[in-house]
Protein backbone atom coordinates (compact mmCIF):
# COMPACT_ATOMS: atom_id res chain seq x y z
CA MET A 1 -74.88 79.60 81.11
CA PRO A 2 -77.85 77.49 82.66
CA ASN A 3 -79.80 75.45 80.23
CA LEU A 4 -82.45 77.65 78.48
CA ASN A 5 -84.39 74.79 77.41
CA ARG A 6 -85.00 73.91 81.03
CA ILE A 7 -85.65 77.33 82.42
CA ILE A 8 -88.26 77.96 79.39
CA SER A 9 -90.02 74.49 80.33
CA GLN A 10 -90.35 75.44 84.02
CA ALA A 11 -91.63 78.32 83.02
CA LEU A 12 -94.66 77.40 80.53
CA LYS A 13 -95.80 74.95 83.29
CA LEU A 14 -96.82 77.89 85.51
CA ASP A 15 -100.28 79.62 84.90
CA CYS A 16 -100.46 81.55 81.76
CA ASP A 17 -100.51 84.77 83.42
CA LEU A 18 -97.50 83.99 85.54
CA VAL A 19 -95.28 82.88 82.37
CA PRO A 20 -93.70 86.41 81.58
CA PHE A 21 -93.25 87.12 85.05
CA GLU A 22 -91.22 83.94 85.89
CA ILE A 23 -89.14 84.21 82.38
CA ASN A 24 -88.60 88.07 83.42
CA ARG A 25 -87.18 87.14 86.67
CA LEU A 26 -85.07 84.19 85.60
CA LEU A 27 -83.44 86.34 82.76
CA HIS A 28 -82.46 89.10 85.15
CA ASP A 29 -80.74 86.48 87.56
CA LEU A 30 -78.64 85.45 84.36
CA PHE A 31 -78.26 88.95 82.98
CA PRO A 32 -77.72 91.13 85.81
CA ASP A 33 -76.00 93.91 84.24
CA GLN A 34 -78.38 93.91 81.08
CA HIS A 35 -81.68 95.86 80.68
CA ILE A 36 -84.44 93.58 79.94
CA LEU A 37 -87.40 94.78 78.20
CA VAL A 38 -90.57 92.53 77.70
CA THR A 39 -92.93 92.74 74.53
CA ASP A 40 -96.08 90.87 73.27
CA GLU A 41 -96.57 93.84 70.72
CA TYR A 42 -98.01 92.86 67.34
CA VAL A 43 -96.09 95.72 65.49
CA PHE A 44 -93.13 94.23 67.02
CA ASP A 45 -92.19 92.16 63.94
CA LEU A 46 -88.47 91.23 64.22
CA ASN A 47 -88.60 88.28 62.10
CA ALA A 48 -89.80 90.81 58.89
CA PHE A 49 -87.01 93.47 60.17
CA ILE A 50 -84.30 90.96 60.09
CA GLN A 51 -85.54 89.57 56.06
CA ASP A 52 -85.51 93.39 55.10
CA GLY A 53 -82.03 93.59 56.39
CA ARG A 54 -82.51 96.13 58.80
CA CYS A 55 -80.24 93.96 61.53
CA ALA A 56 -78.42 91.03 61.43
CA ALA A 57 -79.17 88.29 63.67
CA TRP A 58 -77.98 84.77 64.32
CA ALA A 59 -79.14 81.76 66.31
CA LEU A 60 -77.58 80.85 69.53
CA THR A 61 -77.09 77.23 70.71
CA ASP A 62 -78.19 78.05 74.38
CA MET A 63 -81.46 76.61 73.48
CA ASP A 64 -83.00 74.76 71.04
CA PRO A 65 -85.05 76.85 68.61
CA LEU A 66 -88.72 75.87 67.43
CA LEU A 67 -89.04 76.49 63.75
CA VAL A 68 -92.29 76.32 62.27
CA ALA A 69 -92.21 75.45 58.32
CA THR A 70 -94.59 76.91 56.07
CA TRP A 71 -94.58 76.19 52.34
CA LYS A 72 -94.58 78.96 50.14
CA GLY A 73 -94.67 77.14 46.59
CA ARG A 74 -92.21 75.49 44.14
CA ASP A 75 -90.50 78.59 43.40
CA LYS A 76 -90.18 80.17 46.87
CA GLY A 77 -89.62 76.99 48.95
CA THR A 78 -89.84 76.81 52.73
CA TRP A 79 -90.23 79.62 55.39
CA LEU A 80 -89.34 79.15 58.53
CA GLU A 81 -90.94 80.82 61.67
CA PRO A 82 -89.30 81.02 64.78
CA ARG A 83 -91.78 80.51 67.59
CA GLN A 84 -88.91 79.70 70.55
CA ALA A 85 -85.65 80.87 69.89
CA PHE A 86 -82.52 82.77 71.61
CA SER A 87 -80.81 84.89 69.14
CA GLU A 88 -78.04 87.49 69.02
CA ILE A 89 -78.74 90.93 67.25
CA LEU A 90 -76.46 93.58 65.80
CA TRP A 91 -78.11 96.93 65.22
CA ASN A 92 -76.51 100.15 64.65
CA GLY A 93 -73.63 98.99 66.54
CA HIS A 94 -75.05 97.52 69.39
CA LEU A 95 -75.15 94.09 69.88
CA LEU A 96 -78.60 92.57 71.95
CA ASN A 97 -80.28 89.22 72.71
CA CYS A 98 -83.69 88.39 72.20
CA LEU A 99 -85.56 85.42 73.43
CA THR A 100 -88.80 84.50 71.76
CA VAL A 101 -91.10 82.74 73.48
CA THR A 102 -94.56 81.36 72.34
CA HIS A 103 -97.31 80.33 74.66
CA ARG A 104 -100.92 79.66 73.86
CA TYR A 105 -101.71 82.60 71.53
CA ASP A 106 -99.00 84.96 73.15
CA CYS A 107 -95.86 85.58 71.40
CA LEU A 108 -93.27 87.20 74.25
CA SER A 109 -90.07 88.69 72.94
CA PHE A 110 -87.46 89.59 75.76
CA LEU A 111 -84.74 92.03 74.56
CA ILE A 112 -81.60 91.94 76.58
CA ALA A 113 -79.38 94.85 76.12
CA LYS A 114 -76.66 96.59 77.84
CA SER A 115 -78.97 99.72 78.53
CA ARG A 116 -82.53 100.83 78.46
CA GLU A 117 -81.76 103.63 75.76
CA VAL A 118 -80.27 100.73 73.48
CA ALA A 119 -83.47 98.24 74.07
CA GLU A 120 -86.07 100.75 73.64
CA GLY A 121 -84.23 102.49 70.71
CA PHE A 122 -84.30 99.16 68.73
CA PHE A 123 -87.83 98.35 69.82
CA GLN A 124 -89.00 101.77 68.50
CA ALA A 125 -86.96 101.23 65.30
CA VAL A 126 -88.88 97.99 64.48
CA CYS A 127 -91.97 99.17 65.28
CA LEU A 128 -91.85 102.25 63.66
CA TRP A 129 -90.45 100.74 60.41
CA GLN A 130 -93.49 98.28 60.48
CA THR A 131 -96.16 100.78 60.59
CA ASP A 132 -94.11 103.31 58.15
CA ALA A 133 -94.48 100.61 55.19
CA ASP A 134 -97.10 101.57 52.88
CA GLY A 135 -98.66 98.78 51.07
CA ARG A 136 -97.57 96.39 53.83
CA VAL A 137 -100.06 93.43 54.08
CA THR A 138 -100.83 91.76 57.68
CA VAL A 139 -103.11 89.05 57.97
CA PHE A 140 -104.99 88.27 60.85
CA ASP A 141 -106.36 84.81 61.44
CA GLY A 142 -106.02 84.83 65.42
CA ARG A 143 -102.26 85.99 65.21
CA PHE A 144 -100.67 88.72 63.16
CA ARG A 145 -98.40 87.38 60.35
CA ARG A 146 -97.30 88.62 57.19
CA ASP A 147 -98.37 87.51 53.88
CA PRO A 148 -95.59 88.26 51.18
CA ALA A 149 -97.89 85.86 48.54
CA LEU A 150 -101.17 88.34 49.16
CA GLU A 151 -98.46 91.33 49.08
CA GLU A 152 -97.10 89.99 45.52
CA ALA A 153 -100.57 89.24 44.50
CA ILE A 154 -101.88 92.93 45.35
CA GLN A 155 -99.01 94.50 43.69
CA THR A 156 -99.31 93.01 40.37
CA SER A 157 -103.28 94.09 40.21
CA ARG A 158 -104.10 96.84 38.04
CA TRP A 159 -107.41 98.97 37.96
CA GLN A 160 -107.36 99.32 34.46
CA ASP A 161 -107.93 95.55 33.79
CA LEU A 162 -111.06 95.76 35.84
CA VAL A 163 -114.30 95.79 34.04
CA LEU A 164 -116.97 97.52 35.44
CA PRO A 165 -119.57 100.10 34.56
CA ILE A 166 -117.70 103.24 34.07
CA ALA A 167 -119.56 105.50 36.39
CA GLN A 168 -119.31 102.58 39.19
CA LYS A 169 -115.40 102.01 38.78
CA ASP A 170 -114.71 105.43 38.96
CA CYS A 171 -116.97 106.62 41.97
CA LEU A 172 -115.23 103.29 43.75
CA HIS A 173 -111.80 104.27 43.24
CA SER A 174 -112.27 107.88 44.09
CA ASP A 175 -114.02 106.92 47.24
CA VAL A 176 -110.85 104.92 48.07
CA THR A 177 -108.13 107.17 47.19
CA LYS A 178 -109.41 110.56 48.11
CA PHE A 179 -110.03 109.58 51.53
CA PHE A 180 -106.41 109.15 52.28
CA GLN A 181 -105.66 112.56 50.18
CA HIS A 182 -108.46 114.62 51.96
CA LYS A 183 -107.42 114.39 55.69
CA ASP A 184 -107.23 118.29 55.96
CA GLN A 185 -110.86 118.45 54.53
CA TYR A 186 -112.15 116.09 57.03
CA ALA A 187 -110.60 118.33 59.62
CA ARG A 188 -111.84 121.36 58.04
CA PHE A 189 -115.66 120.68 58.36
CA GLY A 190 -115.52 118.63 61.57
CA MET A 191 -116.00 115.34 59.67
CA SER A 192 -114.40 112.00 61.49
CA TRP A 193 -111.62 110.69 59.16
CA LYS A 194 -112.97 107.17 58.42
CA ARG A 195 -114.99 105.35 56.31
CA GLY A 196 -116.51 101.80 55.49
CA ILE A 197 -117.16 100.14 52.14
CA LEU A 198 -119.10 97.11 51.49
CA LEU A 199 -118.89 95.56 48.30
CA HIS A 200 -121.55 92.66 47.25
CA GLY A 201 -123.13 90.60 44.72
CA PRO A 202 -122.80 86.90 43.55
CA PRO A 203 -119.31 85.50 43.18
CA GLY A 204 -117.26 85.58 40.12
CA ASN A 205 -118.14 89.31 39.33
CA GLY A 206 -114.74 90.97 40.46
CA LYS A 207 -114.88 91.65 43.89
CA THR A 208 -111.63 90.38 44.96
CA LYS A 209 -109.96 91.90 41.93
CA ALA A 210 -111.55 95.22 42.54
CA VAL A 211 -110.33 94.98 46.32
CA ARG A 212 -106.81 94.04 45.52
CA ALA A 213 -106.30 96.87 42.62
CA LEU A 214 -107.91 99.15 45.11
CA LEU A 215 -105.28 98.37 48.02
CA ARG A 216 -102.36 98.68 45.40
CA ASP A 217 -103.51 102.19 44.41
CA ALA A 218 -103.95 103.13 47.52
CA GLY A 219 -100.66 102.30 48.76
CA LYS A 220 -101.47 102.15 52.77
CA PRO A 221 -100.93 99.42 55.36
CA VAL A 222 -103.25 96.79 55.08
CA LEU A 223 -105.14 94.46 57.81
CA VAL A 224 -106.54 91.29 56.53
CA VAL A 225 -108.94 89.50 58.66
CA ARG A 226 -109.56 86.11 57.97
CA SER A 227 -110.74 85.15 61.46
CA LEU A 228 -112.90 86.56 64.34
CA ARG A 229 -113.52 83.57 66.23
CA GLU A 230 -113.32 84.42 69.85
CA ASP A 231 -111.15 82.23 72.51
CA GLU A 232 -111.21 82.29 76.47
CA ASP A 233 -107.81 82.23 76.25
CA SER A 234 -107.13 85.56 74.16
CA PRO A 235 -106.54 89.00 75.78
CA MET A 236 -109.25 90.95 74.13
CA PRO A 237 -111.86 89.96 71.26
CA PRO A 238 -110.36 89.41 67.76
CA ALA A 239 -112.31 92.62 66.31
CA SER A 240 -110.66 94.69 69.17
CA GLN A 241 -107.15 93.54 68.53
CA VAL A 242 -107.65 94.09 64.53
CA PHE A 243 -108.41 97.89 65.26
CA ARG A 244 -106.26 98.22 68.02
CA ARG A 245 -103.36 97.39 65.70
CA ALA A 246 -105.18 99.64 62.78
CA ARG A 247 -105.06 102.77 64.91
CA ARG A 248 -101.60 102.14 65.89
CA THR A 249 -100.57 101.95 61.92
CA ALA A 250 -102.99 104.64 60.54
CA PRO A 251 -103.78 105.54 57.76
CA ALA A 252 -104.36 102.13 57.22
CA ILE A 253 -107.19 99.89 55.52
CA VAL A 254 -109.10 96.72 57.15
CA LEU A 255 -110.78 94.34 54.98
CA PHE A 256 -113.20 91.68 55.82
CA GLU A 257 -113.25 89.49 52.58
CA ASP A 258 -116.77 87.31 52.97
CA ILE A 259 -117.78 88.95 55.98
CA ASP A 260 -120.87 87.32 56.31
CA THR A 261 -118.76 83.87 57.33
CA LEU A 262 -116.47 85.75 59.72
CA VAL A 263 -119.50 87.30 61.60
CA SER A 264 -121.42 85.60 64.34
CA ARG A 265 -123.44 85.86 67.31
CA THR A 266 -120.61 85.78 69.42
CA ASN A 267 -118.63 88.29 67.83
CA LEU A 268 -121.08 90.70 66.18
CA SER A 269 -121.15 93.09 69.45
CA SER A 270 -117.45 93.57 69.81
CA LEU A 271 -117.03 94.24 66.05
CA LEU A 272 -119.97 96.91 65.92
CA ASN A 273 -118.19 98.45 68.82
CA GLU A 274 -115.20 99.00 67.05
CA LEU A 275 -116.86 100.01 63.99
CA ASP A 276 -118.75 102.95 65.64
CA GLY A 277 -115.35 104.07 67.16
CA LEU A 278 -115.75 103.81 70.69
CA ALA A 279 -111.84 104.29 70.42
CA GLN A 280 -111.29 106.86 67.55
CA ASN A 281 -110.62 105.11 64.53
CA GLU A 282 -109.15 108.36 62.55
CA GLY A 283 -107.77 107.07 59.51
CA ILE A 284 -109.13 103.71 58.99
CA LEU A 285 -110.63 103.04 55.64
CA THR A 286 -112.69 99.40 56.39
CA ILE A 287 -113.71 97.45 53.57
CA ALA A 288 -115.89 94.47 53.65
CA THR A 289 -117.16 92.14 50.67
CA THR A 290 -119.85 89.46 50.58
CA ASN A 291 -121.74 87.04 48.30
CA HIS A 292 -124.59 86.99 50.32
CA LEU A 293 -125.76 90.34 51.44
CA ASP A 294 -129.14 88.93 52.94
CA ARG A 295 -126.94 86.87 55.49
CA LEU A 296 -125.62 89.65 56.81
CA ASP A 297 -126.85 91.24 59.97
CA GLY A 298 -128.85 94.29 59.32
CA ALA A 299 -126.59 96.20 62.18
CA LEU A 300 -123.95 95.95 59.58
CA SER A 301 -125.68 96.39 55.97
CA ASN A 302 -128.15 98.89 57.27
CA ARG A 303 -125.99 101.62 59.23
CA PRO A 304 -124.67 104.03 57.21
CA SER A 305 -122.06 104.97 60.09
CA ARG A 306 -120.69 101.70 59.80
CA PHE A 307 -120.47 101.32 55.80
CA ASP A 308 -121.68 104.29 54.39
CA ARG A 309 -120.88 103.25 50.63
CA VAL A 310 -122.39 100.26 49.20
CA TYR A 311 -121.42 98.77 45.66
CA GLU A 312 -123.52 96.03 44.08
CA PHE A 313 -120.98 93.71 42.10
CA GLY A 314 -123.92 92.17 39.98
CA ASN A 315 -123.67 89.94 36.64
CA PRO A 316 -122.09 91.93 33.68
CA LYS A 317 -124.44 93.49 31.40
CA LEU A 318 -124.04 93.45 27.64
CA ALA A 319 -121.18 96.22 27.25
CA GLU A 320 -119.20 94.44 29.96
CA ARG A 321 -119.72 91.19 29.06
CA GLN A 322 -118.57 91.75 25.47
CA ARG A 323 -115.14 93.94 27.06
CA LEU A 324 -114.63 90.88 29.37
CA LEU A 325 -114.39 88.88 26.41
CA GLU A 326 -112.41 91.18 24.27
CA LEU A 327 -109.77 91.74 27.55
CA LYS A 328 -109.69 87.73 28.18
CA PHE A 329 -109.05 86.69 24.54
CA SER A 330 -106.69 89.54 24.07
CA LEU A 331 -104.24 87.75 26.64
CA LEU A 332 -104.05 84.76 24.43
CA ASP A 333 -102.01 83.84 21.20
CA GLU A 334 -103.17 86.31 18.27
CA ALA A 335 -103.80 82.86 16.27
CA MET A 336 -106.46 81.99 18.89
CA ARG A 337 -108.34 85.02 18.96
CA PRO A 338 -111.78 85.29 17.23
CA SER A 339 -113.14 87.84 15.31
CA ASN A 340 -114.93 91.05 16.63
CA ALA A 341 -118.02 90.02 15.28
CA ALA A 342 -117.97 86.89 16.87
CA ILE A 343 -117.12 88.53 20.29
CA GLU A 344 -120.07 90.53 19.64
CA SER A 345 -122.45 87.76 19.04
CA ALA A 346 -121.34 85.73 21.89
CA ALA A 347 -121.87 88.46 24.20
CA LYS A 348 -125.47 88.56 23.46
CA SER A 349 -125.78 84.67 23.74
CA VAL A 350 -124.47 84.63 27.23
CA LYS A 351 -126.90 87.01 28.83
CA GLY A 352 -126.87 86.40 32.96
CA PHE A 353 -123.17 84.88 32.79
CA SER A 354 -120.92 85.98 35.86
CA GLY A 355 -117.48 87.10 34.96
CA ALA A 356 -116.29 83.67 36.09
CA LEU A 357 -118.55 81.89 33.67
CA LEU A 358 -117.22 84.04 30.88
CA GLN A 359 -113.76 83.39 31.93
CA ASP A 360 -114.72 79.50 31.66
CA LEU A 361 -115.69 80.07 28.56
CA VAL A 362 -112.61 81.70 27.19
CA ASN A 363 -110.50 78.67 28.97
CA SER A 364 -112.78 76.13 27.24
CA CYS A 365 -112.56 77.84 24.04
CA ALA A 366 -108.75 77.77 23.91
CA ILE A 367 -108.31 74.29 25.26
CA SER A 368 -110.91 73.20 22.30
CA TRP A 369 -108.65 75.31 19.71
CA MET A 370 -105.53 73.43 20.71
CA ASN A 371 -106.86 70.44 19.74
CA HIS A 372 -106.73 71.33 16.06
CA GLN A 373 -104.81 74.80 15.63
CA VAL A 374 -106.21 75.89 12.82
CA LEU A 375 -106.13 79.74 12.07
CA GLY A 376 -109.39 81.55 11.71
CA LEU A 377 -111.08 78.33 13.86
CA MET A 378 -111.68 80.29 17.09
CA ASP A 379 -114.63 81.84 15.63
CA ALA A 380 -116.52 78.23 15.17
CA VAL A 381 -115.10 77.18 18.47
CA LEU A 382 -116.49 80.36 20.23
CA GLY A 383 -120.07 79.72 18.64
CA ARG A 384 -119.77 75.77 19.62
CA GLU A 385 -118.34 76.49 23.28
CA VAL A 386 -121.50 78.96 23.69
CA GLU A 387 -124.40 76.70 22.91
CA ARG A 388 -122.48 73.90 24.96
CA ALA A 389 -122.15 76.96 28.06
CA ILE A 390 -126.08 77.92 27.96
CA GLY A 391 -127.50 74.47 27.61
CA PRO A 392 -130.15 73.40 30.27
CA LYS A 393 -127.71 72.45 33.01
CA ALA A 394 -125.92 75.47 32.65
CA SER A 395 -128.55 77.62 32.60
CA ARG A 396 -129.79 76.77 36.14
CA ARG A 397 -126.38 77.86 37.45
CA ARG A 398 -126.99 81.39 36.07
CA LYS A 399 -129.36 84.18 37.38
CA THR A 400 -130.97 86.26 34.32
CA ASN A 401 -129.66 89.61 34.06
CA PRO A 402 -129.99 92.17 31.18
């Protein structure tokens, strides 16, 4: 067989739009009796399909693979993602070949099979598996990719661990879960089956924790948007890429964390077009968070058709501060837990603290206690750490809140 490295290198020197045509032509010359299916479909995630054991695959030596390494942490080691590779695949008793070629922002897959039915059957199997996988998390940062670490963080989040005003907590959870349960009612009353929810407030008050717990309880495919930066070589605006995929995987959730940092003058128009649903957004729930509602364009924050529910995550009031301290201290060793009276007193003293500052307070108490490790000492430690936290420098970091 001719050297695939040389063939691919020659093709990649051509104009971007001509690359798939040239590679397809060369492959037809190499495999005249085979059917070749070409795709740049984002949902065709062959690597994830293989990882899940849905087919067997092994790399062939006809070309040198380009494997991009990602460090997943001490426990999980390194993950190698093939960007250029030639593989043989065994699926349902059929042998196929797949050539993967990455060029600029496009990932092209060339499926080579003995018949059209086998090639299209395998393609559909991968796409159906990807779109039917409830709870699957896909990150978009210019291209689509899996994020198993984020999936794990979502699956370990629990709604009952979230401390919010009870009415707000119940209403927010209901808005998300009942949206997916009431498809028939939306149709019955002639309403579009789509919604938008915006969470805002100062940092450290549980927006991210709330979102992760909501995603877990919803159990739907999730698209997490981390970049909307447009590039002239991209086939379509990033917002269009995101919502095109969401429509194909619906019912689904599209998440824009810190949306004020993602949206700019150059991409606002395309995002508004997608949110308004010039194409049908049936079954899509859009969730956005921001620490700075004032920085968000009014076209996003003040239009109910885009975000029809807006929730404020302000600094916790007295009842929530006390519950937060009780919850966080309950996670420590029993000997390190202060009395209920000490927690109640501390909650009254730390008026205006965010949830993150309360966590810092508990951490400081734990570290200070470990230096002495005396049973019953935590009451005194907590009182001392509260005085330190509400000093002049700390108070400037906080906004007063009842």
